Amino acid sequence: MKKTIVIVDDHVLIAKALEGIIDNFKEFEVIYVAENGKDMIQKFEDHKIPDIILLDISMPIMDGFETVIWLKKHHPEIKVMALSMQSDEKSVIKMIKNGAKGYLLKNTHPKDLEDALTKLNTDGFFYPEWASKIIYSSFNNDDSQKAVKISTREKEFLKYTVTELSYKEIAEIMCCSPRTIESYRDQLCEKLDLKTRVGLAVFAIKNGFAES
């Protein structure tokens, strides 16, 4: 069964062009298009909830920054890929911190888009090299992270932060209680001066724990 996608973009021609491209992909299909975050929310009431959302940033009424926050609160199971013309550090970091699991530019080649969607679906996240450099650089000025000691179990926990597994599911895999997992999370957030799972996931990717 194909993974379902909703495109949220106020540029109708771009959205329709994307829809045509994606509908030729083997594993994905666009089920509808929304013009902004508010339009998307309204369509959620009468339409199927998608697996993935391709989300523009600059939109009237309710932009991408607001929309991804709403999605994180109300539909955390949806994987959000920012698809924008904006490649500045502020926009990338803000979208990732707000809850986006991936970031692509609109001039991306269709084959690269398909590969990115596949990676997003299987791994739970996708950032091209240029975006990864921006994300990683956001940690470079934090000297407190350089001398942090991370236990073997904490490293194992970090590996799972980049997935879509819930903390309860991570606890089952690691053969411990959800409370222990919460303890790992809280200890790492304190050690690394981070506040969210996204921050932990980015740290895990930057330091190679996601691949261990």
N, C-alpha and C. Protein backbone atom coordinates (compact mmCIF):
# COMPACT_ATOMS: atom_id res chain seq x y z
N MET A 1 0.84 -1.20 0.00
CA MET A 1 0.00 0.00 0.00
C MET A 1 0.88 1.25 0.00
N LYS A 2 0.52 2.21 -0.84
CA LYS A 2 1.31 3.43 -0.94
C LYS A 2 1.14 4.32 0.30
N LYS A 3 2.21 5.02 0.65
CA LYS A 3 2.14 6.00 1.73
C LYS A 3 1.47 7.26 1.20
N THR A 4 0.58 7.80 2.00
CA THR A 4 -0.21 8.95 1.56
C THR A 4 0.46 10.27 1.92
N ILE A 5 0.32 11.24 1.03
CA ILE A 5 0.97 12.54 1.20
C ILE A 5 -0.04 13.66 0.98
N VAL A 6 0.08 14.70 1.78
CA VAL A 6 -0.66 15.94 1.57
C VAL A 6 0.36 17.06 1.34
N ILE A 7 0.12 17.86 0.33
CA ILE A 7 0.98 19.00 0.03
C ILE A 7 0.31 20.25 0.56
N VAL A 8 1.04 21.03 1.36
CA VAL A 8 0.51 22.29 1.90
C VAL A 8 1.35 23.43 1.33
N ASP A 9 0.79 24.14 0.37
CA ASP A 9 1.54 25.18 -0.35
C ASP A 9 0.54 26.14 -0.98
N ASP A 10 0.75 27.44 -0.80
CA ASP A 10 -0.19 28.42 -1.33
C ASP A 10 0.01 28.68 -2.82
N HIS A 11 1.10 28.19 -3.39
CA HIS A 11 1.33 28.32 -4.83
C HIS A 11 0.69 27.12 -5.53
N VAL A 12 -0.48 27.33 -6.10
CA VAL A 12 -1.27 26.24 -6.65
C VAL A 12 -0.54 25.50 -7.77
N LEU A 13 0.11 26.24 -8.66
CA LEU A 13 0.80 25.61 -9.79
C LEU A 13 1.93 24.71 -9.30
N ILE A 14 2.68 25.18 -8.30
CA ILE A 14 3.78 24.38 -7.74
C ILE A 14 3.23 23.13 -7.07
N ALA A 15 2.15 23.31 -6.30
CA ALA A 15 1.55 22.18 -5.59
C ALA A 15 1.04 21.13 -6.57
N LYS A 16 0.39 21.57 -7.63
CA LYS A 16 -0.14 20.63 -8.62
C LYS A 16 0.99 19.93 -9.38
N ALA A 17 2.06 20.68 -9.66
CA ALA A 17 3.21 20.08 -10.33
C ALA A 17 3.84 19.00 -9.45
N LEU A 18 3.97 19.30 -8.17
CA LEU A 18 4.50 18.32 -7.21
C LEU A 18 3.61 17.08 -7.14
N GLU A 19 2.31 17.33 -7.14
CA GLU A 19 1.36 16.22 -7.08
C GLU A 19 1.55 15.28 -8.26
N GLY A 20 1.72 15.86 -9.45
CA GLY A 20 1.92 15.05 -10.64
C GLY A 20 3.21 14.25 -10.58
N ILE A 21 4.26 14.86 -10.04
CA ILE A 21 5.55 14.17 -9.92
C ILE A 21 5.45 13.01 -8.93
N ILE A 22 4.89 13.30 -7.75
CA ILE A 22 4.82 12.28 -6.69
C ILE A 22 3.92 11.12 -7.06
N ASP A 23 2.86 11.40 -7.80
CA ASP A 23 1.94 10.33 -8.17
C ASP A 23 2.57 9.32 -9.13
N ASN A 24 3.75 9.65 -9.66
CA ASN A 24 4.49 8.70 -10.50
C ASN A 24 5.48 7.85 -9.68
N PHE A 25 5.61 8.16 -8.38
CA PHE A 25 6.47 7.38 -7.51
C PHE A 25 5.77 6.07 -7.14
N LYS A 26 6.53 5.01 -7.01
CA LYS A 26 5.97 3.70 -6.72
C LYS A 26 5.31 3.61 -5.34
N GLU A 27 5.97 4.22 -4.35
CA GLU A 27 5.56 4.00 -2.96
C GLU A 27 4.73 5.13 -2.36
N PHE A 28 4.43 6.18 -3.15
CA PHE A 28 3.76 7.35 -2.58
C PHE A 28 2.64 7.85 -3.48
N GLU A 29 1.64 8.50 -2.85
CA GLU A 29 0.57 9.13 -3.60
C GLU A 29 0.06 10.35 -2.85
N VAL A 30 -0.28 11.39 -3.58
CA VAL A 30 -0.85 12.60 -2.99
C VAL A 30 -2.36 12.44 -2.91
N ILE A 31 -2.92 12.63 -1.74
CA ILE A 31 -4.37 12.44 -1.59
C ILE A 31 -5.14 13.77 -1.65
N TYR A 32 -4.49 14.87 -1.32
CA TYR A 32 -5.08 16.19 -1.55
C TYR A 32 -4.04 17.28 -1.28
N VAL A 33 -4.42 18.52 -1.64
CA VAL A 33 -3.54 19.68 -1.50
C VAL A 33 -4.26 20.74 -0.67
N ALA A 34 -3.51 21.42 0.20
CA ALA A 34 -4.06 22.52 1.00
C ALA A 34 -3.26 23.79 0.73
N GLU A 35 -3.90 24.93 0.85
CA GLU A 35 -3.25 26.21 0.51
C GLU A 35 -2.48 26.82 1.67
N ASN A 36 -2.75 26.40 2.88
CA ASN A 36 -2.04 26.89 4.06
C ASN A 36 -2.42 26.00 5.24
N GLY A 37 -1.85 26.30 6.40
CA GLY A 37 -2.11 25.47 7.56
C GLY A 37 -3.56 25.41 7.96
N LYS A 38 -4.24 26.55 7.91
CA LYS A 38 -5.65 26.59 8.30
C LYS A 38 -6.50 25.75 7.35
N ASP A 39 -6.20 25.85 6.06
CA ASP A 39 -6.91 25.06 5.06
C ASP A 39 -6.68 23.57 5.29
N MET A 40 -5.45 23.22 5.65
CA MET A 40 -5.11 21.83 5.94
C MET A 40 -5.92 21.29 7.12
N ILE A 41 -5.99 22.08 8.19
CA ILE A 41 -6.74 21.66 9.38
C ILE A 41 -8.21 21.43 9.05
N GLN A 42 -8.77 22.33 8.25
CA GLN A 42 -10.17 22.20 7.86
C GLN A 42 -10.39 20.93 7.02
N LYS A 43 -9.43 20.63 6.14
CA LYS A 43 -9.57 19.45 5.29
C LYS A 43 -9.38 18.16 6.09
N PHE A 44 -8.65 18.23 7.17
CA PHE A 44 -8.48 17.07 8.03
C PHE A 44 -9.83 16.58 8.57
N GLU A 45 -10.78 17.49 8.72
CA GLU A 45 -12.08 17.14 9.29
C GLU A 45 -12.89 16.22 8.37
N ASP A 46 -12.67 16.36 7.06
CA ASP A 46 -13.48 15.60 6.09
C ASP A 46 -12.67 14.64 5.23
N HIS A 47 -11.37 14.64 5.39
CA HIS A 47 -10.52 13.81 4.56
C HIS A 47 -9.63 12.90 5.42
N LYS A 48 -9.00 11.95 4.74
CA LYS A 48 -8.08 11.02 5.41
C LYS A 48 -6.85 11.76 5.91
N ILE A 49 -6.36 11.38 7.09
CA ILE A 49 -5.13 11.94 7.64
C ILE A 49 -3.94 11.26 6.94
N PRO A 50 -3.01 12.01 6.39
CA PRO A 50 -1.90 11.42 5.61
C PRO A 50 -0.78 10.86 6.47
N ASP A 51 0.09 10.10 5.84
CA ASP A 51 1.29 9.61 6.52
C ASP A 51 2.38 10.68 6.55
N ILE A 52 2.43 11.48 5.47
CA ILE A 52 3.48 12.48 5.29
C ILE A 52 2.88 13.79 4.82
N ILE A 53 3.45 14.89 5.27
CA ILE A 53 3.05 16.21 4.77
C ILE A 53 4.27 16.92 4.21
N LEU A 54 4.15 17.40 2.98
CA LEU A 54 5.16 18.29 2.40
C LEU A 54 4.69 19.71 2.67
N LEU A 55 5.47 20.43 3.46
CA LEU A 55 5.00 21.70 4.02
C LEU A 55 5.85 22.89 3.58
N ASP A 56 5.22 23.83 2.89
CA ASP A 56 5.90 25.08 2.55
C ASP A 56 6.02 25.93 3.82
N ILE A 57 6.96 26.86 3.81
CA ILE A 57 7.16 27.70 4.99
C ILE A 57 6.39 29.01 4.88
N SER A 58 6.60 29.73 3.78
CA SER A 58 5.99 31.04 3.60
C SER A 58 4.60 30.92 3.00
N MET A 59 3.59 31.06 3.85
CA MET A 59 2.20 30.99 3.40
C MET A 59 1.38 32.00 4.18
N PRO A 60 0.31 32.52 3.57
CA PRO A 60 -0.56 33.46 4.30
C PRO A 60 -1.44 32.72 5.31
N ILE A 61 -2.01 33.46 6.21
CA ILE A 61 -2.98 32.98 7.21
C ILE A 61 -2.32 32.10 8.28
N MET A 62 -1.73 30.98 7.88
CA MET A 62 -1.05 30.09 8.83
C MET A 62 0.14 29.48 8.12
N ASP A 63 1.34 29.97 8.48
CA ASP A 63 2.55 29.56 7.75
C ASP A 63 3.08 28.21 8.22
N GLY A 64 4.21 27.81 7.63
CA GLY A 64 4.78 26.50 7.94
C GLY A 64 5.25 26.36 9.37
N PHE A 65 5.80 27.43 9.94
CA PHE A 65 6.27 27.38 11.32
C PHE A 65 5.12 27.09 12.29
N GLU A 66 4.00 27.78 12.09
CA GLU A 66 2.83 27.56 12.94
C GLU A 66 2.21 26.19 12.69
N THR A 67 2.18 25.80 11.42
CA THR A 67 1.53 24.55 11.04
C THR A 67 2.23 23.33 11.62
N VAL A 68 3.57 23.34 11.57
CA VAL A 68 4.30 22.17 12.08
C VAL A 68 4.16 22.05 13.59
N ILE A 69 4.03 23.17 14.29
CA ILE A 69 3.78 23.13 15.74
C ILE A 69 2.41 22.50 16.01
N TRP A 70 1.41 22.91 15.23
CA TRP A 70 0.05 22.35 15.39
C TRP A 70 0.07 20.85 15.11
N LEU A 71 0.77 20.45 14.06
CA LEU A 71 0.84 19.03 13.71
C LEU A 71 1.54 18.22 14.80
N LYS A 72 2.60 18.76 15.36
CA LYS A 72 3.33 18.07 16.41
C LYS A 72 2.44 17.84 17.63
N LYS A 73 1.57 18.79 17.91
CA LYS A 73 0.68 18.68 19.07
C LYS A 73 -0.50 17.76 18.81
N HIS A 74 -1.10 17.86 17.63
CA HIS A 74 -2.34 17.14 17.36
C HIS A 74 -2.16 15.85 16.56
N HIS A 75 -1.11 15.78 15.75
CA HIS A 75 -0.87 14.57 14.94
C HIS A 75 0.63 14.26 14.89
N PRO A 76 1.22 13.90 16.02
CA PRO A 76 2.67 13.63 16.06
C PRO A 76 3.09 12.44 15.21
N GLU A 77 2.12 11.62 14.82
CA GLU A 77 2.44 10.45 14.00
C GLU A 77 2.74 10.83 12.54
N ILE A 78 2.33 12.01 12.13
CA ILE A 78 2.57 12.45 10.75
C ILE A 78 4.02 12.92 10.61
N LYS A 79 4.69 12.45 9.59
CA LYS A 79 6.06 12.90 9.30
C LYS A 79 6.00 14.14 8.43
N VAL A 80 6.61 15.21 8.88
CA VAL A 80 6.57 16.48 8.16
C VAL A 80 7.90 16.76 7.47
N MET A 81 7.83 16.98 6.16
CA MET A 81 9.00 17.37 5.38
C MET A 81 8.81 18.82 4.93
N ALA A 82 9.66 19.72 5.40
CA ALA A 82 9.61 21.10 4.92
C ALA A 82 10.11 21.12 3.49
N LEU A 83 9.38 21.78 2.61
CA LEU A 83 9.76 21.90 1.21
C LEU A 83 9.64 23.37 0.85
N SER A 84 10.78 24.05 0.76
CA SER A 84 10.77 25.50 0.69
C SER A 84 11.86 26.03 -0.23
N MET A 85 11.75 27.32 -0.55
CA MET A 85 12.83 28.01 -1.27
C MET A 85 13.82 28.61 -0.29
N GLN A 86 13.48 28.60 1.00
CA GLN A 86 14.32 29.21 2.02
C GLN A 86 15.36 28.22 2.55
N SER A 87 16.63 28.60 2.44
CA SER A 87 17.70 27.72 2.91
C SER A 87 18.56 28.38 3.98
N ASP A 88 18.07 29.49 4.55
CA ASP A 88 18.83 30.18 5.58
C ASP A 88 18.82 29.41 6.89
N GLU A 89 19.85 29.61 7.68
CA GLU A 89 20.02 28.87 8.93
C GLU A 89 18.84 29.04 9.87
N LYS A 90 18.33 30.26 9.99
CA LYS A 90 17.24 30.53 10.92
C LYS A 90 16.00 29.71 10.58
N SER A 91 15.65 29.66 9.29
CA SER A 91 14.45 28.93 8.87
C SER A 91 14.61 27.43 9.10
N VAL A 92 15.78 26.90 8.73
CA VAL A 92 16.03 25.46 8.88
C VAL A 92 15.95 25.04 10.34
N ILE A 93 16.70 25.73 11.19
CA ILE A 93 16.73 25.39 12.62
C ILE A 93 15.35 25.53 13.25
N LYS A 94 14.63 26.60 12.89
CA LYS A 94 13.31 26.84 13.48
C LYS A 94 12.33 25.74 13.08
N MET A 95 12.36 25.32 11.81
CA MET A 95 11.44 24.27 11.37
C MET A 95 11.75 22.94 12.06
N ILE A 96 13.04 22.62 12.18
CA ILE A 96 13.43 21.37 12.83
C ILE A 96 13.04 21.39 14.30
N LYS A 97 13.31 22.49 14.97
CA LYS A 97 12.96 22.59 16.39
C LYS A 97 11.45 22.55 16.60
N ASN A 98 10.70 23.08 15.63
CA ASN A 98 9.25 23.09 15.75
C ASN A 98 8.63 21.71 15.49
N GLY A 99 9.42 20.80 14.87
CA GLY A 99 8.90 19.45 14.70
C GLY A 99 9.06 18.81 13.33
N ALA A 100 9.61 19.54 12.34
CA ALA A 100 9.81 18.95 11.02
C ALA A 100 10.85 17.84 11.08
N LYS A 101 10.62 16.75 10.36
CA LYS A 101 11.53 15.61 10.34
C LYS A 101 12.46 15.63 9.13
N GLY A 102 12.25 16.60 8.25
CA GLY A 102 13.10 16.69 7.07
C GLY A 102 13.02 18.08 6.47
N TYR A 103 13.94 18.36 5.54
CA TYR A 103 13.98 19.69 4.93
C TYR A 103 14.56 19.57 3.52
N LEU A 104 13.82 20.03 2.54
CA LEU A 104 14.27 20.02 1.15
C LEU A 104 13.99 21.36 0.49
N LEU A 105 14.76 21.67 -0.54
CA LEU A 105 14.49 22.86 -1.34
C LEU A 105 13.61 22.50 -2.52
N LYS A 106 12.85 23.47 -3.00
CA LYS A 106 11.90 23.20 -4.07
C LYS A 106 12.57 22.92 -5.42
N ASN A 107 13.85 23.24 -5.53
CA ASN A 107 14.54 22.95 -6.79
C ASN A 107 15.17 21.55 -6.78
N THR A 108 14.78 20.73 -5.80
CA THR A 108 15.28 19.36 -5.70
C THR A 108 14.84 18.53 -6.92
N HIS A 109 15.73 17.69 -7.43
CA HIS A 109 15.41 16.81 -8.55
C HIS A 109 14.36 15.78 -8.11
N PRO A 110 13.41 15.44 -8.99
CA PRO A 110 12.37 14.46 -8.62
C PRO A 110 12.91 13.16 -8.03
N LYS A 111 14.00 12.64 -8.58
CA LYS A 111 14.58 11.40 -8.05
C LYS A 111 15.07 11.60 -6.62
N ASP A 112 15.66 12.77 -6.35
CA ASP A 112 16.13 13.06 -5.00
C ASP A 112 14.96 13.22 -4.04
N LEU A 113 13.86 13.77 -4.56
CA LEU A 113 12.66 13.90 -3.74
C LEU A 113 12.11 12.53 -3.36
N GLU A 114 12.08 11.63 -4.33
CA GLU A 114 11.60 10.27 -4.06
C GLU A 114 12.50 9.57 -3.04
N ASP A 115 13.82 9.72 -3.21
CA ASP A 115 14.75 9.12 -2.26
C ASP A 115 14.57 9.70 -0.86
N ALA A 116 14.34 11.02 -0.80
CA ALA A 116 14.16 11.69 0.49
C ALA A 116 12.89 11.20 1.18
N LEU A 117 11.81 11.05 0.43
CA LEU A 117 10.55 10.57 0.99
C LEU A 117 10.70 9.13 1.49
N THR A 118 11.44 8.34 0.75
CA THR A 118 11.68 6.94 1.16
C THR A 118 12.46 6.91 2.46
N LYS A 119 13.49 7.74 2.55
CA LYS A 119 14.31 7.81 3.76
C LYS A 119 13.48 8.32 4.94
N LEU A 120 12.68 9.32 4.68
CA LEU A 120 11.81 9.87 5.73
C LEU A 120 10.86 8.79 6.25
N ASN A 121 10.32 8.00 5.34
CA ASN A 121 9.36 6.97 5.72
C ASN A 121 10.02 5.83 6.49
N THR A 122 11.21 5.41 6.06
CA THR A 122 11.86 4.25 6.69
C THR A 122 12.62 4.61 7.96
N ASP A 123 13.31 5.75 7.94
CA ASP A 123 14.17 6.14 9.07
C ASP A 123 13.51 7.13 10.02
N GLY A 124 12.46 7.79 9.55
CA GLY A 124 11.79 8.77 10.41
C GLY A 124 12.32 10.18 10.27
N PHE A 125 13.37 10.36 9.48
CA PHE A 125 13.93 11.70 9.27
C PHE A 125 14.74 11.71 7.98
N PHE A 126 14.93 12.91 7.41
CA PHE A 126 15.83 13.06 6.27
C PHE A 126 16.28 14.51 6.18
N TYR A 127 17.60 14.71 6.19
CA TYR A 127 18.18 16.02 5.98
C TYR A 127 19.30 15.90 4.96
N PRO A 128 19.24 16.65 3.84
CA PRO A 128 20.34 16.62 2.88
C PRO A 128 21.61 17.18 3.52
N GLU A 129 22.73 16.96 2.89
CA GLU A 129 24.01 17.34 3.47
C GLU A 129 24.07 18.81 3.85
N TRP A 130 23.56 19.69 2.98
CA TRP A 130 23.64 21.13 3.27
C TRP A 130 22.83 21.49 4.51
N ALA A 131 21.67 20.83 4.70
CA ALA A 131 20.85 21.10 5.89
C ALA A 131 21.49 20.50 7.14
N SER A 132 22.11 19.33 6.98
CA SER A 132 22.77 18.68 8.12
C SER A 132 23.89 19.57 8.65
N LYS A 133 24.62 20.21 7.76
CA LYS A 133 25.71 21.09 8.18
C LYS A 133 25.19 22.25 9.01
N ILE A 134 24.04 22.79 8.61
CA ILE A 134 23.43 23.88 9.36
C ILE A 134 22.99 23.40 10.74
N ILE A 135 22.37 22.22 10.77
CA ILE A 135 21.90 21.67 12.05
C ILE A 135 23.07 21.38 12.97
N TYR A 136 24.10 20.75 12.43
CA TYR A 136 25.25 20.39 13.24
C TYR A 136 25.96 21.63 13.77
N SER A 137 26.04 22.68 12.93
CA SER A 137 26.75 23.89 13.35
C SER A 137 26.07 24.58 14.51
N SER A 138 24.75 24.32 14.68
CA SER A 138 24.03 24.94 15.78
C SER A 138 24.51 24.43 17.13
N PHE A 139 25.23 23.29 17.11
CA PHE A 139 25.76 22.73 18.34
C PHE A 139 27.22 23.13 18.58
N ASN A 140 27.88 23.64 17.57
CA ASN A 140 29.32 23.82 17.64
C ASN A 140 29.79 24.81 18.70
N ASN A 141 28.93 25.76 19.04
CA ASN A 141 29.34 26.77 20.02
C ASN A 141 28.99 26.39 21.45
N ASP A 142 28.47 25.18 21.62
CA ASP A 142 28.10 24.73 22.96
C ASP A 142 29.24 23.93 23.56
N ASP A 143 30.15 24.61 24.25
CA ASP A 143 31.33 23.95 24.83
C ASP A 143 30.96 22.93 25.89
N SER A 144 29.77 23.08 26.49
CA SER A 144 29.39 22.18 27.56
C SER A 144 29.21 20.75 27.06
N GLN A 145 28.99 20.58 25.74
CA GLN A 145 28.75 19.25 25.20
C GLN A 145 30.04 18.48 24.96
N LYS A 146 31.17 19.19 24.89
CA LYS A 146 32.42 18.55 24.49
C LYS A 146 32.96 17.60 25.56
N ALA A 147 32.70 17.90 26.83
CA ALA A 147 33.27 17.09 27.91
C ALA A 147 32.22 16.19 28.57
N VAL A 148 31.05 16.08 27.94
CA VAL A 148 29.97 15.30 28.53
C VAL A 148 30.28 13.81 28.44
N LYS A 149 30.05 13.11 29.54
CA LYS A 149 30.21 11.65 29.56
C LYS A 149 28.84 11.01 29.38
N ILE A 150 28.74 10.15 28.38
CA ILE A 150 27.47 9.49 28.06
C ILE A 150 27.64 7.99 28.24
N SER A 151 26.78 7.39 29.02
CA SER A 151 26.88 5.96 29.31
C SER A 151 26.49 5.12 28.10
N THR A 152 26.81 3.85 28.14
CA THR A 152 26.46 2.93 27.05
C THR A 152 24.95 2.87 26.85
N ARG A 153 24.21 2.82 27.93
CA ARG A 153 22.75 2.75 27.84
C ARG A 153 22.17 4.05 27.30
N GLU A 154 22.77 5.16 27.67
CA GLU A 154 22.31 6.45 27.14
C GLU A 154 22.59 6.54 25.64
N LYS A 155 23.73 5.99 25.21
CA LYS A 155 24.04 5.97 23.78
C LYS A 155 23.04 5.12 23.02
N GLU A 156 22.65 3.99 23.64
CA GLU A 156 21.65 3.12 23.01
C GLU A 156 20.32 3.86 22.89
N PHE A 157 19.95 4.59 23.94
CA PHE A 157 18.72 5.37 23.92
C PHE A 157 18.78 6.44 22.83
N LEU A 158 19.92 7.11 22.70
CA LEU A 158 20.08 8.15 21.68
C LEU A 158 19.85 7.59 20.28
N LYS A 159 20.28 6.35 20.07
CA LYS A 159 20.10 5.71 18.75
C LYS A 159 18.62 5.66 18.37
N TYR A 160 17.77 5.45 19.36
CA TYR A 160 16.35 5.31 19.07
C TYR A 160 15.61 6.65 19.01
N THR A 161 16.24 7.73 19.46
CA THR A 161 15.57 9.03 19.42
C THR A 161 15.33 9.52 17.99
N VAL A 162 16.11 9.00 17.03
CA VAL A 162 15.94 9.44 15.64
C VAL A 162 14.84 8.66 14.93
N THR A 163 14.25 7.68 15.60
CA THR A 163 13.18 6.88 15.01
C THR A 163 11.82 7.44 15.41
N GLU A 164 10.77 6.81 14.89
CA GLU A 164 9.41 7.21 15.24
C GLU A 164 8.87 6.42 16.43
N LEU A 165 9.72 5.60 17.06
CA LEU A 165 9.29 4.82 18.22
C LEU A 165 8.90 5.72 19.38
N SER A 166 7.85 5.35 20.07
CA SER A 166 7.46 6.08 21.28
C SER A 166 8.43 5.70 22.40
N TYR A 167 8.42 6.47 23.48
CA TYR A 167 9.29 6.15 24.61
C TYR A 167 8.92 4.79 25.20
N LYS A 168 7.63 4.45 25.19
CA LYS A 168 7.19 3.16 25.69
C LYS A 168 7.77 2.02 24.83
N GLU A 169 7.75 2.22 23.51
CA GLU A 169 8.28 1.21 22.60
C GLU A 169 9.79 1.08 22.73
N ILE A 170 10.47 2.21 22.96
CA ILE A 170 11.92 2.18 23.18
C ILE A 170 12.23 1.39 24.45
N ALA A 171 11.41 1.61 25.48
CA ALA A 171 11.59 0.89 26.75
C ALA A 171 11.48 -0.62 26.54
N GLU A 172 10.54 -1.04 25.72
CA GLU A 172 10.37 -2.47 25.46
C GLU A 172 11.58 -3.05 24.74
N ILE A 173 12.10 -2.32 23.78
CA ILE A 173 13.27 -2.79 23.03
C ILE A 173 14.50 -2.87 23.93
N MET A 174 14.63 -1.88 24.83
CA MET A 174 15.79 -1.83 25.70
C MET A 174 15.59 -2.64 26.98
N CYS A 175 14.43 -3.32 27.06
CA CYS A 175 14.13 -4.19 28.22
C CYS A 175 14.23 -3.44 29.55
N CYS A 176 13.56 -2.32 29.61
CA CYS A 176 13.51 -1.56 30.86
C CYS A 176 12.14 -0.88 30.95
N SER A 177 11.91 -0.17 32.01
CA SER A 177 10.62 0.48 32.22
C SER A 177 10.57 1.83 31.51
N PRO A 178 9.37 2.32 31.17
CA PRO A 178 9.24 3.66 30.59
C PRO A 178 9.82 4.73 31.50
N ARG A 179 9.74 4.52 32.80
CA ARG A 179 10.30 5.49 33.74
C ARG A 179 11.81 5.58 33.60
N THR A 180 12.47 4.44 33.34
CA THR A 180 13.92 4.44 33.12
C THR A 180 14.27 5.23 31.86
N ILE A 181 13.47 5.03 30.82
CA ILE A 181 13.68 5.77 29.56
C ILE A 181 13.53 7.27 29.80
N GLU A 182 12.53 7.63 30.56
CA GLU A 182 12.34 9.05 30.89
C GLU A 182 13.53 9.60 31.66
N SER A 183 14.12 8.74 32.49
CA SER A 183 15.30 9.14 33.25
C SER A 183 16.48 9.39 32.31
N TYR A 184 16.68 8.49 31.32
CA TYR A 184 17.74 8.70 30.33
C TYR A 184 17.52 10.01 29.59
N ARG A 185 16.28 10.24 29.19
CA ARG A 185 15.94 11.47 28.46
C ARG A 185 16.25 12.71 29.30
N ASP A 186 15.79 12.71 30.54
CA ASP A 186 15.98 13.88 31.40
C ASP A 186 17.46 14.13 31.70
N GLN A 187 18.21 13.04 31.94
CA GLN A 187 19.63 13.17 32.25
C GLN A 187 20.40 13.72 31.06
N LEU A 188 20.07 13.21 29.85
CA LEU A 188 20.76 13.69 28.65
C LEU A 188 20.41 15.14 28.34
N CYS A 189 19.15 15.49 28.51
CA CYS A 189 18.74 16.88 28.27
C CYS A 189 19.48 17.82 29.21
N GLU A 190 19.65 17.38 30.45
CA GLU A 190 20.37 18.21 31.42
C GLU A 190 21.85 18.29 31.08
N LYS A 191 22.46 17.15 30.73
CA LYS A 191 23.88 17.12 30.38
C LYS A 191 24.19 17.98 29.15
N LEU A 192 23.30 17.90 28.16
CA LEU A 192 23.56 18.55 26.87
C LEU A 192 22.88 19.90 26.73
N ASP A 193 22.17 20.31 27.78
CA ASP A 193 21.44 21.58 27.76
C ASP A 193 20.46 21.61 26.58
N LEU A 194 19.68 20.54 26.43
CA LEU A 194 18.68 20.44 25.38
C LEU A 194 17.30 20.36 26.02
N LYS A 195 16.27 20.61 25.20
CA LYS A 195 14.93 20.65 25.77
C LYS A 195 13.96 19.69 25.08
N THR A 196 14.30 19.22 23.89
CA THR A 196 13.34 18.42 23.14
C THR A 196 13.97 17.14 22.58
N ARG A 197 13.11 16.22 22.15
CA ARG A 197 13.58 14.99 21.50
C ARG A 197 14.28 15.31 20.19
N VAL A 198 13.80 16.35 19.50
CA VAL A 198 14.46 16.75 18.25
C VAL A 198 15.91 17.11 18.51
N GLY A 199 16.15 17.85 19.60
CA GLY A 199 17.51 18.21 19.95
C GLY A 199 18.37 17.00 20.22
N LEU A 200 17.81 16.02 20.94
CA LEU A 200 18.53 14.78 21.22
C LEU A 200 18.81 14.01 19.94
N ALA A 201 17.84 13.99 19.02
CA ALA A 201 18.02 13.27 17.75
C ALA A 201 19.11 13.90 16.91
N VAL A 202 19.12 15.23 16.86
CA VAL A 202 20.16 15.92 16.09
C VAL A 202 21.53 15.66 16.69
N PHE A 203 21.62 15.67 18.03
CA PHE A 203 22.88 15.36 18.70
C PHE A 203 23.31 13.93 18.38
N ALA A 204 22.36 13.01 18.37
CA ALA A 204 22.68 11.60 18.06
C ALA A 204 23.21 11.46 16.65
N ILE A 205 22.60 12.15 15.70
CA ILE A 205 23.07 12.10 14.30
C ILE A 205 24.46 12.71 14.18
N LYS A 206 24.65 13.86 14.80
CA LYS A 206 25.92 14.59 14.71
C LYS A 206 27.07 13.76 15.26
N ASN A 207 26.82 13.00 16.31
CA ASN A 207 27.89 12.26 16.98
C ASN A 207 27.93 10.77 16.61
N GLY A 208 27.16 10.39 15.62
CA GLY A 208 27.25 9.02 15.10
C GLY A 208 26.50 7.97 15.89
N PHE A 209 25.73 8.37 16.90
CA PHE A 209 25.01 7.38 17.71
C PHE A 209 23.82 6.79 16.94
N ALA A 210 23.30 7.51 15.95
CA ALA A 210 22.15 7.03 15.21
C ALA A 210 22.50 5.85 14.33
N GLU A 211 23.78 5.67 14.05
CA GLU A 211 24.21 4.60 13.15
C GLU A 211 24.81 3.41 13.90
N SER A 212 24.88 3.50 15.21
CA SER A 212 25.51 2.44 16.00
C SER A 212 24.61 1.23 16.14
